[in-house]
Amino acid sequence: MQLRLPPFALVLGIAGLIPFIVCGIVALSVPDERAAQYLTALMAYGAVVLAFLGGVHWGFVLGSPEDRSVRPRLALGVVPSLIGWLALLSPLAVPAEFGLALLILGYVGTVLGEARLYRQGLVPSGYMWMRWGLSLVVVATLVTVLTLRLLGAKIIF
């Protein structure tokens, strides 16, 4: 499925990276008592975006007739939001780093699911290229924050 992505969609996608990067940097550079707030902001934004990415797939199939072929896409529409929700809840029971790891798995799993759908001709190529690039930045940011938190490292300006 070929689709030329509107340039403004790419601009908005790139702008959507700003909260990930800013919250990640701030969470690693402020004193520990404030870092938790920025980590929560990072995880909340990550969960919201993950839910949005899932919702995209509902939009792709809403006009399709109901048959077994749309079920994987509908699942891809719901599973990311459930992962994001679990990531947000995780600090209630386990360290927040577990939630970061869940978000990482959610983003990697979502883009891999989309890649599979792309190979089947079910996802537009313009969308897929944008998703690979944006996912790379998001996952790299989350992995960096997780790793530095596990090491107890801080960013000092």
N, C-alpha and C. Protein backbone atom coordinates (compact mmCIF):
# COMPACT_ATOMS: atom_id res chain seq x y z
N MET A 1 0.85 -1.17 0.00
CA MET A 1 0.00 0.00 0.00
C MET A 1 0.90 1.24 0.00
N GLN A 2 0.79 2.03 -1.05
CA GLN A 2 1.58 3.25 -1.16
C GLN A 2 0.76 4.44 -0.68
N LEU A 3 1.40 5.29 0.06
CA LEU A 3 0.75 6.52 0.50
C LEU A 3 1.84 7.53 0.76
N ARG A 4 1.71 8.66 0.09
CA ARG A 4 2.66 9.74 0.34
C ARG A 4 2.21 10.44 1.61
N LEU A 5 3.11 10.50 2.56
CA LEU A 5 2.80 11.10 3.85
C LEU A 5 2.77 12.62 3.72
N PRO A 6 1.74 13.27 4.21
CA PRO A 6 1.73 14.74 4.18
C PRO A 6 2.91 15.27 4.99
N PRO A 7 3.67 16.24 4.45
CA PRO A 7 4.83 16.76 5.18
C PRO A 7 4.49 17.26 6.58
N PHE A 8 3.30 17.82 6.77
CA PHE A 8 2.94 18.33 8.09
C PHE A 8 2.81 17.19 9.10
N ALA A 9 2.43 15.99 8.65
CA ALA A 9 2.36 14.84 9.55
C ALA A 9 3.75 14.52 10.09
N LEU A 10 4.76 14.61 9.24
CA LEU A 10 6.13 14.36 9.69
C LEU A 10 6.58 15.44 10.67
N VAL A 11 6.24 16.69 10.38
CA VAL A 11 6.58 17.80 11.29
C VAL A 11 5.95 17.55 12.66
N LEU A 12 4.69 17.18 12.68
CA LEU A 12 4.01 16.92 13.96
C LEU A 12 4.60 15.70 14.66
N GLY A 13 4.95 14.69 13.89
CA GLY A 13 5.58 13.51 14.48
C GLY A 13 6.90 13.85 15.15
N ILE A 14 7.71 14.66 14.48
CA ILE A 14 8.99 15.08 15.06
C ILE A 14 8.75 15.96 16.29
N ALA A 15 7.77 16.85 16.21
CA ALA A 15 7.44 17.69 17.37
C ALA A 15 7.00 16.83 18.55
N GLY A 16 6.36 15.72 18.27
CA GLY A 16 5.92 14.81 19.32
C GLY A 16 7.05 14.15 20.07
N LEU A 17 8.27 14.23 19.53
CA LEU A 17 9.44 13.67 20.22
C LEU A 17 9.92 14.59 21.34
N ILE A 18 9.57 15.86 21.27
CA ILE A 18 10.09 16.85 22.23
C ILE A 18 9.79 16.45 23.67
N PRO A 19 8.55 16.10 24.03
CA PRO A 19 8.31 15.73 25.43
C PRO A 19 9.13 14.52 25.89
N PHE A 20 9.35 13.55 25.01
CA PHE A 20 10.18 12.41 25.39
C PHE A 20 11.58 12.88 25.76
N ILE A 21 12.17 13.65 24.88
CA ILE A 21 13.55 14.07 25.07
C ILE A 21 13.68 15.00 26.27
N VAL A 22 12.80 15.99 26.37
CA VAL A 22 12.88 16.96 27.47
C VAL A 22 12.65 16.28 28.82
N CYS A 23 11.59 15.49 28.93
CA CYS A 23 11.32 14.82 30.20
C CYS A 23 12.44 13.85 30.57
N GLY A 24 12.98 13.17 29.57
CA GLY A 24 14.09 12.25 29.84
C GLY A 24 15.31 12.97 30.36
N ILE A 25 15.68 14.06 29.72
CA ILE A 25 16.86 14.83 30.16
C ILE A 25 16.63 15.41 31.55
N VAL A 26 15.47 16.00 31.76
CA VAL A 26 15.20 16.62 33.06
C VAL A 26 15.15 15.56 34.17
N ALA A 27 14.51 14.42 33.90
CA ALA A 27 14.43 13.36 34.91
C ALA A 27 15.81 12.87 35.33
N LEU A 28 16.78 13.00 34.44
CA LEU A 28 18.14 12.55 34.75
C LEU A 28 19.04 13.66 35.28
N SER A 29 18.53 14.87 35.34
CA SER A 29 19.41 15.98 35.73
C SER A 29 18.96 16.72 36.99
N VAL A 30 17.76 16.44 37.49
CA VAL A 30 17.28 17.12 38.70
C VAL A 30 17.50 16.22 39.91
N PRO A 31 17.43 16.80 41.12
CA PRO A 31 17.56 15.98 42.33
C PRO A 31 16.51 14.87 42.37
N ASP A 32 16.84 13.78 43.04
CA ASP A 32 15.98 12.60 43.05
C ASP A 32 14.55 12.88 43.47
N GLU A 33 14.35 13.78 44.43
CA GLU A 33 12.98 14.03 44.90
C GLU A 33 12.11 14.66 43.81
N ARG A 34 12.71 15.33 42.85
CA ARG A 34 11.94 15.90 41.73
C ARG A 34 11.99 15.01 40.49
N ALA A 35 12.99 14.16 40.41
CA ALA A 35 13.15 13.30 39.23
C ALA A 35 11.94 12.40 39.03
N ALA A 36 11.34 11.95 40.12
CA ALA A 36 10.18 11.05 40.02
C ALA A 36 9.02 11.73 39.28
N GLN A 37 8.85 13.03 39.48
CA GLN A 37 7.77 13.74 38.79
C GLN A 37 8.00 13.77 37.28
N TYR A 38 9.24 14.00 36.89
CA TYR A 38 9.54 14.05 35.46
C TYR A 38 9.52 12.66 34.84
N LEU A 39 9.90 11.67 35.62
CA LEU A 39 9.81 10.29 35.14
C LEU A 39 8.34 9.91 34.93
N THR A 40 7.49 10.34 35.86
CA THR A 40 6.05 10.10 35.71
C THR A 40 5.52 10.80 34.47
N ALA A 41 5.96 12.04 34.24
CA ALA A 41 5.53 12.78 33.04
C ALA A 41 5.98 12.05 31.77
N LEU A 42 7.21 11.55 31.77
CA LEU A 42 7.73 10.80 30.62
C LEU A 42 6.90 9.55 30.39
N MET A 43 6.63 8.81 31.45
CA MET A 43 5.86 7.58 31.30
C MET A 43 4.42 7.86 30.89
N ALA A 44 3.83 8.91 31.42
CA ALA A 44 2.45 9.25 31.05
C ALA A 44 2.37 9.62 29.58
N TYR A 45 3.31 10.45 29.13
CA TYR A 45 3.31 10.83 27.72
C TYR A 45 3.56 9.60 26.84
N GLY A 46 4.49 8.75 27.26
CA GLY A 46 4.77 7.53 26.52
C GLY A 46 3.55 6.63 26.41
N ALA A 47 2.78 6.53 27.49
CA ALA A 47 1.57 5.70 27.48
C ALA A 47 0.50 6.29 26.57
N VAL A 48 0.36 7.61 26.60
CA VAL A 48 -0.63 8.28 25.74
C VAL A 48 -0.29 8.08 24.27
N VAL A 49 0.96 8.27 23.92
CA VAL A 49 1.38 8.11 22.52
C VAL A 49 1.23 6.66 22.09
N LEU A 50 1.57 5.74 22.97
CA LEU A 50 1.42 4.32 22.64
C LEU A 50 -0.05 3.98 22.37
N ALA A 51 -0.94 4.53 23.16
CA ALA A 51 -2.38 4.32 22.93
C ALA A 51 -2.80 4.92 21.58
N PHE A 52 -2.27 6.10 21.27
CA PHE A 52 -2.57 6.74 19.99
C PHE A 52 -2.12 5.85 18.83
N LEU A 53 -0.91 5.30 18.94
CA LEU A 53 -0.40 4.44 17.87
C LEU A 53 -1.30 3.23 17.67
N GLY A 54 -1.80 2.68 18.74
CA GLY A 54 -2.74 1.57 18.61
C GLY A 54 -4.02 2.01 17.93
N GLY A 55 -4.51 3.18 18.31
CA GLY A 55 -5.75 3.69 17.73
C GLY A 55 -5.68 3.90 16.23
N VAL A 56 -4.49 4.18 15.74
CA VAL A 56 -4.31 4.36 14.29
C VAL A 56 -4.81 3.12 13.55
N HIS A 57 -4.57 1.95 14.11
CA HIS A 57 -4.94 0.72 13.42
C HIS A 57 -6.44 0.46 13.44
N TRP A 58 -7.12 0.97 14.45
CA TRP A 58 -8.58 0.91 14.41
C TRP A 58 -9.07 1.76 13.25
N GLY A 59 -8.46 2.91 13.08
CA GLY A 59 -8.84 3.79 11.97
C GLY A 59 -8.62 3.14 10.62
N PHE A 60 -7.55 2.36 10.50
CA PHE A 60 -7.27 1.69 9.24
C PHE A 60 -8.35 0.67 8.88
N VAL A 61 -9.00 0.04 9.87
CA VAL A 61 -9.92 -1.06 9.56
C VAL A 61 -11.39 -0.76 9.82
N LEU A 62 -11.71 0.40 10.33
CA LEU A 62 -13.11 0.67 10.67
C LEU A 62 -14.05 0.53 9.47
N GLY A 63 -13.59 0.86 8.29
CA GLY A 63 -14.44 0.74 7.11
C GLY A 63 -14.40 -0.62 6.47
N SER A 64 -13.62 -1.54 7.02
CA SER A 64 -13.48 -2.88 6.45
C SER A 64 -14.60 -3.79 6.92
N PRO A 65 -14.96 -4.76 6.08
CA PRO A 65 -15.95 -5.74 6.55
C PRO A 65 -15.35 -6.59 7.67
N GLU A 66 -16.19 -7.01 8.59
CA GLU A 66 -15.72 -7.82 9.72
C GLU A 66 -15.41 -9.23 9.23
N ASP A 67 -14.17 -9.60 9.31
CA ASP A 67 -13.76 -10.98 9.07
C ASP A 67 -12.48 -11.21 9.88
N ARG A 68 -12.01 -12.43 9.83
CA ARG A 68 -10.84 -12.80 10.64
C ARG A 68 -9.60 -12.00 10.28
N SER A 69 -9.50 -11.51 9.07
CA SER A 69 -8.28 -10.83 8.64
C SER A 69 -8.05 -9.50 9.37
N VAL A 70 -9.11 -8.90 9.91
CA VAL A 70 -8.92 -7.62 10.61
C VAL A 70 -8.62 -7.81 12.10
N ARG A 71 -8.76 -9.00 12.60
CA ARG A 71 -8.55 -9.23 14.03
C ARG A 71 -7.14 -8.87 14.51
N PRO A 72 -6.08 -9.25 13.79
CA PRO A 72 -4.75 -8.84 14.26
C PRO A 72 -4.59 -7.32 14.33
N ARG A 73 -5.20 -6.63 13.38
CA ARG A 73 -5.11 -5.16 13.39
C ARG A 73 -5.89 -4.58 14.55
N LEU A 74 -7.03 -5.15 14.85
CA LEU A 74 -7.80 -4.67 16.00
C LEU A 74 -7.04 -4.94 17.30
N ALA A 75 -6.38 -6.09 17.37
CA ALA A 75 -5.56 -6.39 18.55
C ALA A 75 -4.41 -5.39 18.67
N LEU A 76 -3.77 -5.08 17.53
CA LEU A 76 -2.69 -4.10 17.55
C LEU A 76 -3.23 -2.73 17.94
N GLY A 77 -4.51 -2.53 17.79
CA GLY A 77 -5.13 -1.29 18.22
C GLY A 77 -5.34 -1.19 19.72
N VAL A 78 -5.45 -2.33 20.40
CA VAL A 78 -5.76 -2.33 21.83
C VAL A 78 -4.54 -2.65 22.69
N VAL A 79 -3.73 -3.59 22.27
CA VAL A 79 -2.61 -4.04 23.11
C VAL A 79 -1.67 -2.91 23.50
N PRO A 80 -1.28 -2.00 22.60
CA PRO A 80 -0.38 -0.92 23.04
C PRO A 80 -0.95 -0.07 24.18
N SER A 81 -2.24 0.22 24.14
CA SER A 81 -2.81 1.02 25.23
C SER A 81 -2.81 0.26 26.54
N LEU A 82 -3.01 -1.05 26.50
CA LEU A 82 -2.95 -1.85 27.73
C LEU A 82 -1.53 -1.88 28.29
N ILE A 83 -0.55 -1.98 27.41
CA ILE A 83 0.84 -1.95 27.87
C ILE A 83 1.16 -0.60 28.51
N GLY A 84 0.72 0.48 27.87
CA GLY A 84 0.94 1.81 28.44
C GLY A 84 0.28 1.97 29.79
N TRP A 85 -0.93 1.45 29.92
CA TRP A 85 -1.64 1.51 31.19
C TRP A 85 -0.89 0.75 32.28
N LEU A 86 -0.41 -0.45 31.96
CA LEU A 86 0.37 -1.22 32.93
C LEU A 86 1.66 -0.50 33.30
N ALA A 87 2.28 0.15 32.33
CA ALA A 87 3.50 0.90 32.62
C ALA A 87 3.22 2.03 33.60
N LEU A 88 2.09 2.69 33.44
CA LEU A 88 1.72 3.77 34.36
C LEU A 88 1.40 3.25 35.76
N LEU A 89 0.79 2.09 35.84
CA LEU A 89 0.44 1.51 37.13
C LEU A 89 1.63 0.87 37.83
N SER A 90 2.63 0.47 37.10
CA SER A 90 3.71 -0.31 37.67
C SER A 90 4.38 0.33 38.88
N PRO A 91 4.59 1.67 38.93
CA PRO A 91 5.24 2.23 40.12
C PRO A 91 4.44 2.05 41.41
N LEU A 92 3.19 1.66 41.32
CA LEU A 92 2.41 1.38 42.52
C LEU A 92 2.86 0.10 43.20
N ALA A 93 3.49 -0.81 42.44
CA ALA A 93 3.87 -2.11 42.98
C ALA A 93 5.36 -2.43 42.85
N VAL A 94 5.99 -1.87 41.86
CA VAL A 94 7.40 -2.17 41.59
C VAL A 94 8.12 -0.88 41.24
N PRO A 95 9.44 -0.90 41.16
CA PRO A 95 10.16 0.33 40.79
C PRO A 95 9.71 0.86 39.42
N ALA A 96 9.76 2.17 39.27
CA ALA A 96 9.32 2.83 38.03
C ALA A 96 10.10 2.34 36.82
N GLU A 97 11.30 1.87 37.02
CA GLU A 97 12.10 1.37 35.90
C GLU A 97 11.40 0.22 35.18
N PHE A 98 10.60 -0.54 35.91
CA PHE A 98 9.83 -1.61 35.29
C PHE A 98 8.85 -1.03 34.28
N GLY A 99 8.23 0.10 34.63
CA GLY A 99 7.31 0.77 33.71
C GLY A 99 8.02 1.26 32.47
N LEU A 100 9.24 1.78 32.64
CA LEU A 100 10.02 2.20 31.47
C LEU A 100 10.29 1.00 30.56
N ALA A 101 10.65 -0.12 31.16
CA ALA A 101 10.91 -1.33 30.37
C ALA A 101 9.65 -1.77 29.62
N LEU A 102 8.50 -1.68 30.27
CA LEU A 102 7.25 -2.03 29.59
C LEU A 102 6.99 -1.11 28.40
N LEU A 103 7.24 0.19 28.58
CA LEU A 103 7.05 1.12 27.46
C LEU A 103 7.98 0.77 26.30
N ILE A 104 9.22 0.45 26.62
CA ILE A 104 10.17 0.06 25.57
C ILE A 104 9.63 -1.14 24.81
N LEU A 105 9.20 -2.16 25.54
CA LEU A 105 8.64 -3.35 24.88
C LEU A 105 7.39 -3.00 24.07
N GLY A 106 6.58 -2.09 24.59
CA GLY A 106 5.38 -1.67 23.87
C GLY A 106 5.70 -1.00 22.55
N TYR A 107 6.68 -0.10 22.56
CA TYR A 107 7.04 0.59 21.32
C TYR A 107 7.70 -0.35 20.33
N VAL A 108 8.60 -1.20 20.81
CA VAL A 108 9.25 -2.15 19.90
C VAL A 108 8.22 -3.12 19.33
N GLY A 109 7.36 -3.65 20.19
CA GLY A 109 6.33 -4.58 19.72
C GLY A 109 5.37 -3.96 18.73
N THR A 110 5.00 -2.71 18.98
CA THR A 110 4.06 -2.03 18.07
C THR A 110 4.68 -1.82 16.70
N VAL A 111 5.91 -1.31 16.66
CA VAL A 111 6.52 -1.06 15.35
C VAL A 111 6.81 -2.37 14.62
N LEU A 112 7.15 -3.43 15.36
CA LEU A 112 7.35 -4.72 14.70
C LEU A 112 6.02 -5.28 14.17
N GLY A 113 4.95 -5.09 14.92
CA GLY A 113 3.62 -5.50 14.44
C GLY A 113 3.23 -4.72 13.20
N GLU A 114 3.52 -3.42 13.21
CA GLU A 114 3.22 -2.59 12.03
C GLU A 114 4.07 -3.02 10.84
N ALA A 115 5.33 -3.38 11.09
CA ALA A 115 6.20 -3.83 9.99
C ALA A 115 5.65 -5.11 9.36
N ARG A 116 5.13 -5.98 10.19
CA ARG A 116 4.53 -7.21 9.66
C ARG A 116 3.32 -6.88 8.79
N LEU A 117 2.49 -5.97 9.26
CA LEU A 117 1.33 -5.54 8.47
C LEU A 117 1.77 -4.84 7.18
N TYR A 118 2.85 -4.09 7.26
CA TYR A 118 3.37 -3.42 6.06
C TYR A 118 3.78 -4.45 5.01
N ARG A 119 4.46 -5.50 5.44
CA ARG A 119 4.88 -6.55 4.50
C ARG A 119 3.68 -7.24 3.85
N GLN A 120 2.55 -7.21 4.53
CA GLN A 120 1.31 -7.78 3.98
C GLN A 120 0.54 -6.77 3.13
N GLY A 121 1.10 -5.57 3.00
CA GLY A 121 0.46 -4.53 2.20
C GLY A 121 -0.68 -3.82 2.92
N LEU A 122 -0.71 -3.89 4.24
CA LEU A 122 -1.82 -3.34 5.00
C LEU A 122 -1.52 -2.01 5.68
N VAL A 123 -0.27 -1.57 5.61
CA VAL A 123 0.12 -0.29 6.21
C VAL A 123 0.81 0.54 5.13
N PRO A 124 0.43 1.79 4.97
CA PRO A 124 1.05 2.64 3.95
C PRO A 124 2.55 2.82 4.18
N SER A 125 3.32 2.81 3.09
CA SER A 125 4.77 2.90 3.21
C SER A 125 5.21 4.23 3.83
N GLY A 126 4.57 5.33 3.48
CA GLY A 126 4.96 6.61 4.06
C GLY A 126 4.80 6.62 5.57
N TYR A 127 3.73 6.03 6.05
CA TYR A 127 3.50 5.93 7.49
C TYR A 127 4.57 5.07 8.14
N MET A 128 4.90 3.95 7.49
CA MET A 128 5.85 3.01 8.07
C MET A 128 7.23 3.61 8.21
N TRP A 129 7.67 4.34 7.19
CA TRP A 129 8.99 4.97 7.27
C TRP A 129 9.04 5.98 8.41
N MET A 130 7.98 6.75 8.56
CA MET A 130 7.94 7.71 9.65
C MET A 130 7.96 6.98 11.00
N ARG A 131 7.20 5.91 11.11
CA ARG A 131 7.14 5.17 12.37
C ARG A 131 8.48 4.58 12.76
N TRP A 132 9.24 4.07 11.78
CA TRP A 132 10.56 3.52 12.12
C TRP A 132 11.45 4.61 12.71
N GLY A 133 11.47 5.76 12.06
CA GLY A 133 12.32 6.86 12.54
C GLY A 133 11.91 7.37 13.90
N LEU A 134 10.63 7.61 14.08
CA LEU A 134 10.15 8.13 15.37
C LEU A 134 10.33 7.09 16.47
N SER A 135 10.06 5.83 16.16
CA SER A 135 10.22 4.77 17.16
C SER A 135 11.67 4.63 17.59
N LEU A 136 12.58 4.79 16.65
CA LEU A 136 14.00 4.70 16.98
C LEU A 136 14.38 5.75 18.03
N VAL A 137 13.92 6.98 17.84
CA VAL A 137 14.23 8.05 18.79
C VAL A 137 13.56 7.79 20.13
N VAL A 138 12.30 7.39 20.11
CA VAL A 138 11.58 7.13 21.36
C VAL A 138 12.24 6.01 22.14
N VAL A 139 12.51 4.89 21.48
CA VAL A 139 13.11 3.75 22.17
C VAL A 139 14.51 4.10 22.66
N ALA A 140 15.30 4.80 21.86
CA ALA A 140 16.64 5.21 22.29
C ALA A 140 16.56 6.09 23.53
N THR A 141 15.60 7.01 23.56
CA THR A 141 15.43 7.88 24.72
C THR A 141 15.04 7.07 25.95
N LEU A 142 14.06 6.20 25.81
CA LEU A 142 13.61 5.39 26.95
C LEU A 142 14.71 4.45 27.44
N VAL A 143 15.45 3.84 26.53
CA VAL A 143 16.55 2.95 26.92
C VAL A 143 17.64 3.73 27.65
N THR A 144 17.94 4.93 27.16
CA THR A 144 18.96 5.76 27.82
C THR A 144 18.52 6.13 29.23
N VAL A 145 17.28 6.58 29.38
CA VAL A 145 16.78 6.94 30.71
C VAL A 145 16.79 5.73 31.63
N LEU A 146 16.31 4.60 31.15
CA LEU A 146 16.28 3.38 31.96
C LEU A 146 17.69 2.98 32.38
N THR A 147 18.60 2.94 31.44
CA THR A 147 19.98 2.52 31.73
C THR A 147 20.64 3.44 32.74
N LEU A 148 20.54 4.75 32.52
CA LEU A 148 21.19 5.69 33.44
C LEU A 148 20.54 5.65 34.82
N ARG A 149 19.25 5.45 34.88
CA ARG A 149 18.59 5.32 36.20
C ARG A 149 19.05 4.06 36.92
N LEU A 150 19.16 2.97 36.20
CA LEU A 150 19.62 1.72 36.82
C LEU A 150 21.06 1.85 37.31
N LEU A 151 21.86 2.64 36.60
CA LEU A 151 23.25 2.87 37.01
C LEU A 151 23.37 3.95 38.07
N GLY A 152 22.27 4.66 38.33
CA GLY A 152 22.30 5.75 39.30
C GLY A 152 23.04 6.98 38.79
N ALA A 153 23.16 7.09 37.47
CA ALA A 153 23.90 8.20 36.87
C ALA A 153 22.99 9.41 36.68
N LYS A 154 23.59 10.57 36.66
CA LYS A 154 22.89 11.84 36.44
C LYS A 154 23.55 12.57 35.29
N ILE A 155 22.76 13.42 34.64
CA ILE A 155 23.30 14.33 33.63
C ILE A 155 23.57 15.64 34.35
N ILE A 156 24.76 16.14 34.23
CA ILE A 156 25.13 17.39 34.90
C ILE A 156 25.42 18.43 33.84
N PHE A 157 24.73 19.57 33.96
CA PHE A 157 24.94 20.67 33.02
C PHE A 157 25.82 21.71 33.64
